[in-house]
Structure formats: C-alpha cells, structure tokens
Amino acid sequence: MPRAKGGPKTRHRRKKWLKLAKGYWGKRGTAYKSARLQVMKSLFYAYQDRRRKKRRQRQIAICQINAGCRKDGIPYSKFINALKELNIMINRKELALLAQKNPDAFSDLTRKAKDMFQEFNKNS
C-alpha cells in the first residue's frame, strides 16, 4: 500500500497556516515550514503583548494619579493607602480619568485623604 503524502487533509491543514501567514515578507508568507514557525511566534507575541498592554496602561494611570496627588500635596502611596482606609473603592483607571477630566472631584478625594492622615498623625 503506497504512503499517503499530500491528500486533502494535509493540504487543508497546510493552507490554514499559510492563510494565517498572509502578508508576511518573503518565504515567511509562502513556504509552509517558515510560515508555520512565524505564525506560531507571532501568535505568542500577540498573547504576550496583550498582557504587556494592560501592565503599561496601569503604569500610565499610576503616573497620572501621582501627578494629581502631588499637585494637592500628598504622595501617591499615602493617597492610595488613605482610600483603602476610608473604604473608597475606585480603581486606578477611574482615578486617572478623574484626575484628568474632573480635577475638582479628585481634589476632594485628596483632601479627604490628607484629613485622614492628619487625624492619624494626631492620634499617634
């Protein structure tokens, strides 16, 4: 019995990888082996960078909150700690938006945080 080398199933499987590699430069888009390797690497980078993007957005939000806090005379770490003590549950993304779009409301939060720390320092 002859060996099956390139039947419909094999062709479909290879075309699936080549379809994903469409638009890649040179052999990476046309040769099956190179295309498959490049697609696997590309999918891995995409997976990794989706997580990096979230990490980067959080870093940016923290910088924006810190800038708003420093303007009102309280460091970021003390501000976040005070919010936790006061049971104000706002995530960093929303705080950053608040600091940019509505500085008055953000100043109210920083004022509350400062008051809480002043009371804490009096009691200590």
Protein backbone atom coordinates (compact mmCIF):
# COMPACT_ATOMS: atom_id res chain seq x y z
CA MET A 1 0.00 0.00 0.00
CA PRO A 2 1.51 3.36 -1.01
CA ARG A 3 2.24 6.03 1.53
CA ALA A 4 -0.18 8.98 1.63
CA LYS A 5 1.77 12.23 1.38
CA GLY A 6 -0.39 15.13 0.30
CA GLY A 7 -4.04 14.32 0.42
CA PRO A 8 -6.89 16.75 1.07
CA LYS A 9 -6.48 16.74 4.87
CA THR A 10 -2.79 17.59 4.68
CA ARG A 11 -3.44 20.32 2.11
CA HIS A 12 -6.20 21.86 4.24
CA ARG A 13 -4.01 21.81 7.32
CA ARG A 14 -1.14 23.50 5.49
CA LYS A 15 -3.40 26.07 3.84
CA LYS A 16 -4.72 27.02 7.28
CA TRP A 17 -1.20 28.04 8.38
CA LEU A 18 -0.48 29.78 5.07
CA LYS A 19 -3.71 31.74 5.35
CA LEU A 20 -2.62 33.00 8.78
CA ALA A 21 0.79 33.97 7.31
CA LYS A 22 -0.75 36.03 4.51
CA GLY A 23 1.08 39.34 4.17
CA TYR A 24 4.34 38.18 5.74
CA TRP A 25 7.51 39.10 3.90
CA GLY A 26 9.29 36.62 1.61
CA LYS A 27 9.28 32.91 2.37
CA ARG A 28 7.57 33.53 5.70
CA GLY A 29 4.33 34.08 3.83
CA THR A 30 4.66 31.41 1.14
CA ALA A 31 6.71 28.43 2.36
CA TYR A 32 4.79 26.17 4.72
CA LYS A 33 7.55 25.46 7.24
CA SER A 34 8.72 29.08 7.55
CA ALA A 35 5.15 30.35 7.61
CA ARG A 36 4.11 27.95 10.37
CA LEU A 37 7.08 28.89 12.54
CA GLN A 38 6.50 32.61 12.01
CA VAL A 39 2.76 32.34 12.72
CA MET A 40 3.44 30.45 15.95
CA LYS A 41 5.91 33.13 17.01
CA SER A 42 3.51 35.91 16.01
CA LEU A 43 0.67 34.37 18.00
CA PHE A 44 2.97 34.07 21.01
CA TYR A 45 3.99 37.74 20.71
CA ALA A 46 0.35 38.77 20.38
CA TYR A 47 -0.56 36.83 23.54
CA GLN A 48 2.36 38.34 25.43
CA ASP A 49 1.71 41.89 24.27
CA ARG A 50 -1.96 41.79 25.25
CA ARG A 51 -0.74 41.36 28.82
CA ARG A 52 2.02 43.96 28.40
CA LYS A 53 -0.57 46.46 27.20
CA LYS A 54 -2.60 46.02 30.42
CA ARG A 55 0.56 46.42 32.50
CA ARG A 56 1.57 49.57 30.63
CA GLN A 57 -1.90 51.12 30.97
CA ARG A 58 -1.78 50.57 34.73
CA GLN A 59 1.65 52.24 34.92
CA ILE A 60 0.35 55.25 32.98
CA ALA A 61 -2.70 55.50 35.25
CA ILE A 62 -0.47 55.45 38.34
CA CYS A 63 1.69 58.26 36.90
CA GLN A 64 -1.41 60.36 36.21
CA ILE A 65 -2.79 59.78 39.72
CA ASN A 66 0.59 60.62 41.23
CA ALA A 67 0.73 63.88 39.29
CA GLY A 68 -2.73 64.84 40.55
CA CYS A 69 -1.85 63.92 44.12
CA ARG A 70 1.45 65.82 44.13
CA LYS A 71 -0.37 68.90 42.88
CA ASP A 72 -2.53 68.71 46.03
CA GLY A 73 0.46 67.98 48.27
CA ILE A 74 0.12 64.26 49.07
CA PRO A 75 2.25 61.39 47.71
CA TYR A 76 0.64 58.61 45.68
CA SER A 77 1.35 55.85 48.19
CA LYS A 78 -0.28 57.73 51.08
CA PHE A 79 -3.23 58.68 48.87
CA ILE A 80 -3.92 55.06 47.86
CA ASN A 81 -3.48 53.88 51.45
CA ALA A 82 -5.93 56.53 52.67
CA LEU A 83 -8.51 55.49 50.07
CA LYS A 84 -8.24 51.90 51.30
CA GLU A 85 -8.62 53.02 54.93
CA LEU A 86 -11.66 55.12 54.02
CA ASN A 87 -13.17 52.17 52.07
CA ILE A 88 -13.34 54.19 48.85
CA MET A 89 -13.22 51.51 46.18
CA ILE A 90 -12.22 53.22 42.91
CA ASN A 91 -9.82 51.52 40.54
CA ARG A 92 -6.72 53.25 39.23
CA LYS A 93 -8.09 53.70 35.72
CA GLU A 94 -11.09 55.62 37.03
CA LEU A 95 -8.92 57.66 39.39
CA ALA A 96 -6.64 58.65 36.49
CA LEU A 97 -9.65 59.72 34.41
CA LEU A 98 -10.99 61.67 37.38
CA ALA A 99 -7.63 63.41 37.84
CA GLN A 100 -7.62 64.45 34.17
CA LYS A 101 -11.26 65.22 33.40
CA ASN A 102 -12.59 66.38 36.78
CA PRO A 103 -9.78 67.84 38.92
CA ASP A 104 -12.23 69.32 41.44
CA ALA A 105 -13.67 65.92 42.36
CA PHE A 106 -10.15 64.48 42.52
CA SER A 107 -9.09 67.33 44.83
CA ASP A 108 -11.99 66.41 47.14
CA LEU A 109 -10.62 62.87 47.35
CA THR A 110 -7.09 64.09 48.06
CA ARG A 111 -8.46 66.44 50.74
CA LYS A 112 -10.22 63.52 52.43
CA ALA A 113 -7.02 61.50 52.27
CA LYS A 114 -4.99 64.36 53.78
CA ASP A 115 -7.53 64.82 56.58
CA MET A 116 -7.41 61.11 57.38
CA PHE A 117 -3.61 61.20 57.63
CA GLN A 118 -3.62 64.32 59.79
CA GLU A 119 -6.05 62.64 62.22
CA PHE A 120 -3.88 59.52 62.22
CA ASN A 121 -0.75 61.56 62.99
CA LYS A 122 -2.51 63.40 65.85
CA ASN A 123 -3.55 60.10 67.44
CA SER A 124 -0.06 58.58 67.14
